[in-house]
């Protein structure tokens, strides 16, 4: 099914966020809550990434804007369903990728959460109990869930930035090639240490040549990769006789004893 959620690219969401800030979050979540399948949840994730990288938005304000959008959107959706009901959805639903068959299926699958207000009104549920339940759900469940979710995402972003900063600060020996434990490190080391990418190898080191840059602990290893299924060298420890050339809280560079050590 082709919907607005599938044709709006992430960079467009980020551009709206840059241009309109919290208003973009409010509108996207609100429109989704009305019943139009736009990427409101995706906008929340984009907003969290934007807040974590630029510090121009507050996570708490993002959640409040999303909660306000959900409340306003659900009430609009409820009013549409209450006064227009099934005929309105049948007549105009195809404009946003919803026909009668998909609408019926959506009662039991993913559209039920997006179009909750419409279905509640169509079922002739009075506004007062619906409104009370809606407010309770948004305040208790949506608020707490989104705050925890976005705070965790921001913490992860900051941790990954710290790991990359420590990799930048690492002083590497002069010997080549450089062996690493993940593909993510190749362009970073090549750029920061002025190395040719072909001299940075994602494999176990050969005895007597090169150096091995390893994460200081499993947490750094997890934060330094983008794809958890990425193949990594079987041995994440230096060969016998190699010694520590430089290290910090995130990374350790090992090299043979005869390697010439330099600092940047």
Protein backbone atom coordinates (compact mmCIF):
# COMPACT_ATOMS: atom_id res chain seq x y z
CA UNK A 1 0.00 0.00 0.00
CA UNK A 2 1.37 3.42 -1.01
CA UNK A 3 0.73 5.99 1.72
CA UNK A 4 2.11 9.35 2.68
CA UNK A 5 4.26 7.59 5.28
CA UNK A 6 6.05 5.64 2.56
CA UNK A 7 6.64 8.53 0.14
CA UNK A 8 7.90 11.20 2.57
CA UNK A 9 11.71 10.75 2.79
CA UNK A 10 13.57 11.13 6.07
CA UNK A 11 15.57 14.08 4.81
CA UNK A 12 12.30 15.92 4.16
CA UNK A 13 11.24 15.27 7.75
CA UNK A 14 14.57 16.61 8.96
CA UNK A 15 14.19 19.70 6.79
CA UNK A 16 10.74 20.38 8.24
CA UNK A 17 12.16 19.91 11.71
CA UNK A 18 14.97 22.38 10.97
CA UNK A 19 12.55 24.94 9.53
CA UNK A 20 9.64 24.61 11.96
CA UNK A 21 11.02 22.90 15.08
CA UNK A 22 8.45 21.67 17.59
CA UNK A 23 5.60 22.73 15.31
CA UNK A 24 6.66 20.02 12.84
CA UNK A 25 6.48 17.40 15.60
CA UNK A 26 3.08 18.67 16.72
CA UNK A 27 1.64 18.64 13.19
CA UNK A 28 3.03 15.27 12.10
CA UNK A 29 1.89 13.44 15.22
CA UNK A 30 -1.44 15.29 15.14
CA UNK A 31 -2.13 14.44 11.50
CA UNK A 32 -1.25 10.80 12.16
CA UNK A 33 -3.59 10.77 15.16
CA UNK A 34 -6.44 12.10 13.01
CA UNK A 35 -6.17 8.93 10.95
CA UNK A 36 -3.98 9.97 8.02
CA UNK A 37 -1.07 7.46 7.74
CA UNK A 38 1.85 9.89 7.88
CA UNK A 39 5.18 9.08 9.64
CA UNK A 40 4.46 10.66 13.03
CA UNK A 41 6.50 8.06 14.92
CA UNK A 42 9.37 8.52 12.48
CA UNK A 43 9.25 12.27 13.06
CA UNK A 44 9.72 11.60 16.79
CA UNK A 45 12.86 9.58 16.08
CA UNK A 46 14.19 12.23 13.68
CA UNK A 47 13.50 14.89 16.31
CA UNK A 48 15.39 12.91 18.96
CA UNK A 49 18.39 12.50 16.64
CA UNK A 50 18.26 16.21 15.82
CA UNK A 51 18.08 17.14 19.50
CA UNK A 52 20.97 14.83 20.38
CA UNK A 53 23.24 16.10 17.61
CA UNK A 54 22.46 19.84 17.63
CA UNK A 55 21.14 20.44 21.19
CA UNK A 56 18.69 22.96 19.69
CA UNK A 57 15.58 21.15 20.96
CA UNK A 58 14.69 19.70 24.35
CA UNK A 59 13.62 16.05 24.58
CA UNK A 60 10.97 17.04 27.14
CA UNK A 61 9.54 19.71 24.81
CA UNK A 62 9.53 17.24 21.92
CA UNK A 63 7.46 14.79 23.98
CA UNK A 64 5.09 17.56 25.10
CA UNK A 65 4.61 18.73 21.49
CA UNK A 66 3.93 15.15 20.39
CA UNK A 67 1.47 14.59 23.26
CA UNK A 68 -0.36 17.82 22.41
CA UNK A 69 -0.50 16.82 18.76
CA UNK A 70 -1.86 13.39 19.69
CA UNK A 71 -4.59 14.92 21.87
CA UNK A 72 -5.67 17.48 19.25
CA UNK A 73 -5.44 14.98 16.40
CA UNK A 74 -7.40 12.28 18.21
CA UNK A 75 -10.18 14.73 19.02
CA UNK A 76 -10.34 15.89 15.40
CA UNK A 77 -10.37 12.28 14.27
CA UNK A 78 -13.11 11.49 16.74
CA UNK A 79 -15.22 14.39 15.45
CA UNK A 80 -14.69 13.29 11.84
CA UNK A 81 -15.73 9.75 12.66
CA UNK A 82 -18.66 10.83 14.82
CA UNK A 83 -20.20 13.17 12.28
CA UNK A 84 -19.03 11.64 9.01
CA UNK A 85 -18.54 8.02 9.97
CA UNK A 86 -18.28 5.14 7.58
CA UNK A 87 -19.60 6.92 4.44
CA UNK A 88 -16.92 9.61 4.75
CA UNK A 89 -14.15 7.05 5.11
CA UNK A 90 -15.44 5.02 2.17
CA UNK A 91 -15.73 8.09 -0.06
CA UNK A 92 -12.41 9.81 0.67
CA UNK A 93 -10.19 7.15 2.25
CA UNK A 94 -8.64 6.23 -1.10
CA UNK A 95 -7.01 9.66 -1.22
CA UNK A 96 -4.60 8.55 1.53
CA UNK A 97 -4.34 4.91 0.45
CA UNK A 98 -7.26 3.51 2.49
CA UNK A 99 -10.04 1.68 0.66
CA UNK A 100 -12.95 -0.25 2.18
CA UNK A 101 -11.10 -3.57 2.24
CA UNK A 102 -8.03 -2.11 3.90
CA UNK A 103 -10.17 -0.13 6.33
CA UNK A 104 -11.93 -3.29 7.50
CA UNK A 105 -8.60 -5.08 7.79
CA UNK A 106 -7.18 -2.12 9.67
CA UNK A 107 -9.64 -2.66 12.50
CA UNK A 108 -7.61 -5.68 13.49
CA UNK A 109 -4.10 -4.80 12.28
CA UNK A 110 -1.79 -1.78 12.21
CA UNK A 111 -4.35 0.85 11.18
CA UNK A 112 -6.30 0.30 14.39
CA UNK A 113 -3.72 2.24 16.38
CA UNK A 114 -3.51 5.06 13.82
CA UNK A 115 -7.28 5.37 13.35
CA UNK A 116 -8.37 4.62 16.91
CA UNK A 117 -10.36 7.84 17.23
CA UNK A 118 -12.22 7.24 13.96
CA UNK A 119 -13.15 3.70 14.92
CA UNK A 120 -14.21 4.80 18.40
CA UNK A 121 -16.52 7.46 16.99
CA UNK A 122 -17.87 5.11 14.33
CA UNK A 123 -18.75 2.69 17.13
CA UNK A 124 -20.81 5.55 18.66
CA UNK A 125 -18.68 5.75 21.78
CA UNK A 126 -19.52 8.96 23.59
CA UNK A 127 -16.87 11.64 23.67
CA UNK A 128 -16.64 11.89 27.46
CA UNK A 129 -15.49 8.31 28.22
CA UNK A 130 -13.43 8.31 25.05
CA UNK A 131 -11.81 11.63 25.99
CA UNK A 132 -11.01 10.53 29.53
CA UNK A 133 -9.50 7.27 28.32
CA UNK A 134 -7.54 9.12 25.64
CA UNK A 135 -6.05 11.64 28.08
CA UNK A 136 -5.14 8.91 30.56
CA UNK A 137 -3.46 6.83 27.86
CA UNK A 138 -1.50 9.78 26.47
CA UNK A 139 -0.37 11.10 29.86
CA UNK A 140 0.46 7.75 31.46
CA UNK A 141 1.54 5.49 28.62
CA UNK A 142 2.52 7.71 25.69
CA UNK A 143 4.35 10.29 27.80
CA UNK A 144 6.37 7.87 29.90
CA UNK A 145 7.10 5.59 26.98
CA UNK A 146 8.28 8.36 24.68
CA UNK A 147 10.38 10.11 27.33
CA UNK A 148 12.16 6.85 28.16
CA UNK A 149 12.53 5.96 24.50
CA UNK A 150 13.92 9.32 23.40
CA UNK A 151 16.21 9.67 26.42
CA UNK A 152 17.67 6.23 25.67
CA UNK A 153 18.19 7.23 22.05
CA UNK A 154 19.91 10.48 23.05
CA UNK A 155 22.15 8.61 25.51
CA UNK A 156 23.13 6.15 22.77
CA UNK A 157 23.93 8.99 20.36
CA UNK A 158 26.15 10.71 22.92
CA UNK A 159 27.92 7.44 23.75
CA UNK A 160 28.66 6.78 20.07
CA UNK A 161 29.98 10.33 19.67
CA UNK A 162 32.29 9.82 22.66
CA UNK A 163 33.61 6.55 21.22
CA UNK A 164 34.37 8.26 17.91
CA UNK A 165 36.05 11.16 19.70
CA UNK A 166 38.31 8.74 21.58
CA UNK A 167 39.21 7.03 18.29
CA UNK A 168 40.17 10.42 16.88
CA UNK A 169 42.41 11.11 19.87
CA UNK A 170 44.24 7.76 19.63
CA UNK A 171 47.95 8.04 18.72
CA UNK A 172 48.85 5.34 16.19
CA UNK A 173 52.26 3.73 15.62
CA UNK A 174 53.97 4.32 12.30
CA UNK A 175 53.88 0.66 11.22
CA UNK A 176 51.38 -0.50 8.63
CA UNK A 177 48.90 -1.99 7.87
CA UNK A 178 46.33 -1.09 10.50
CA UNK A 179 44.07 -3.97 11.53
CA UNK A 180 40.64 -3.10 12.96
CA UNK A 181 37.61 -4.96 14.30
CA UNK A 182 34.88 -3.29 12.20
CA UNK A 183 34.25 -1.58 8.86
CA UNK A 184 32.94 1.57 10.52
CA UNK A 185 36.46 2.43 11.69
CA UNK A 186 38.01 2.36 8.20
CA UNK A 187 36.84 5.77 6.85
CA UNK A 188 37.23 7.42 10.25
CA UNK A 189 40.85 6.32 10.72
CA UNK A 190 41.66 7.07 7.09
CA UNK A 191 40.36 10.62 7.42
CA UNK A 192 41.63 11.46 10.90
CA UNK A 193 45.08 9.85 10.59
CA UNK A 194 45.68 10.57 6.89
CA UNK A 195 45.86 6.89 5.94
CA UNK A 196 45.06 5.15 2.69
CA UNK A 197 41.91 3.06 3.12
CA UNK A 198 43.62 0.04 1.58
CA UNK A 199 46.11 0.03 4.49
CA UNK A 200 43.26 -0.45 7.00
CA UNK A 201 42.16 -4.08 7.10
CA UNK A 202 39.17 -5.63 8.87
CA UNK A 203 40.79 -8.94 9.77
CA UNK A 204 43.02 -10.67 12.30
CA UNK A 205 46.60 -9.30 12.18
CA UNK A 206 49.50 -11.15 10.61
CA UNK A 207 52.35 -11.87 13.01
CA UNK A 208 55.21 -9.42 12.97
CA UNK A 209 53.65 -6.66 10.87
CA UNK A 210 51.28 -3.76 11.36
CA UNK A 211 49.19 -2.75 14.35
CA UNK A 212 45.84 -3.76 15.81
CA UNK A 213 43.30 -1.19 17.03
CA UNK A 214 40.85 -2.82 19.42
CA UNK A 215 37.89 -1.62 21.47
CA UNK A 216 38.71 -1.40 25.17
CA UNK A 217 35.55 -3.28 26.17
CA UNK A 218 32.46 -4.98 24.67
CA UNK A 219 30.36 -1.83 25.08
CA UNK A 220 32.72 0.13 22.82
CA UNK A 221 32.65 -2.71 20.30
CA UNK A 222 28.84 -2.55 20.22
CA UNK A 223 28.79 1.23 19.85
CA UNK A 224 31.41 1.27 17.09
CA UNK A 225 29.42 -0.79 14.57
CA UNK A 226 26.33 0.18 12.58
CA UNK A 227 25.18 -3.31 11.58
CA UNK A 228 25.01 -5.89 14.41
CA UNK A 229 25.32 -8.66 11.80
CA UNK A 230 28.56 -7.27 10.38
CA UNK A 231 31.30 -9.94 10.31
CA UNK A 232 34.22 -9.16 12.64
CA UNK A 233 37.61 -10.83 13.14
CA UNK A 234 37.34 -13.99 15.22
CA UNK A 235 40.18 -12.96 17.51
CA UNK A 236 39.70 -9.65 19.33
CA UNK A 237 43.04 -9.76 21.14
CA UNK A 238 46.57 -8.86 20.01
CA UNK A 239 49.01 -11.54 18.83
CA UNK A 240 51.59 -12.83 21.27
CA UNK A 241 54.51 -10.43 21.71
CA UNK A 242 52.58 -7.32 20.68
CA UNK A 243 52.41 -4.56 23.27
CA UNK A 244 50.18 -1.60 23.92
CA UNK A 245 51.30 1.45 21.94
CA UNK A 246 48.59 3.85 22.99
CA UNK A 247 45.17 3.71 24.58
CA UNK A 248 42.31 5.55 26.21
CA UNK A 249 38.98 4.69 27.79
CA UNK A 250 37.57 3.42 24.47
CA UNK A 251 40.42 2.15 22.29
CA UNK A 252 43.79 0.42 22.57
CA UNK A 253 46.40 0.27 19.79
CA UNK A 254 48.74 -2.78 19.87
CA UNK A 255 51.89 -3.24 17.80
CA UNK A 256 55.00 -5.45 17.67
CA UNK A 257 57.91 -4.48 19.92
CA UNK A 258 60.09 -3.43 16.97
CA UNK A 259 57.45 -1.05 15.59
CA UNK A 260 58.38 2.64 15.68
CA UNK A 261 55.92 4.57 17.82
CA UNK A 262 54.86 8.07 16.94
CA UNK A 263 52.32 10.43 18.44
CA UNK A 264 50.13 12.92 16.63
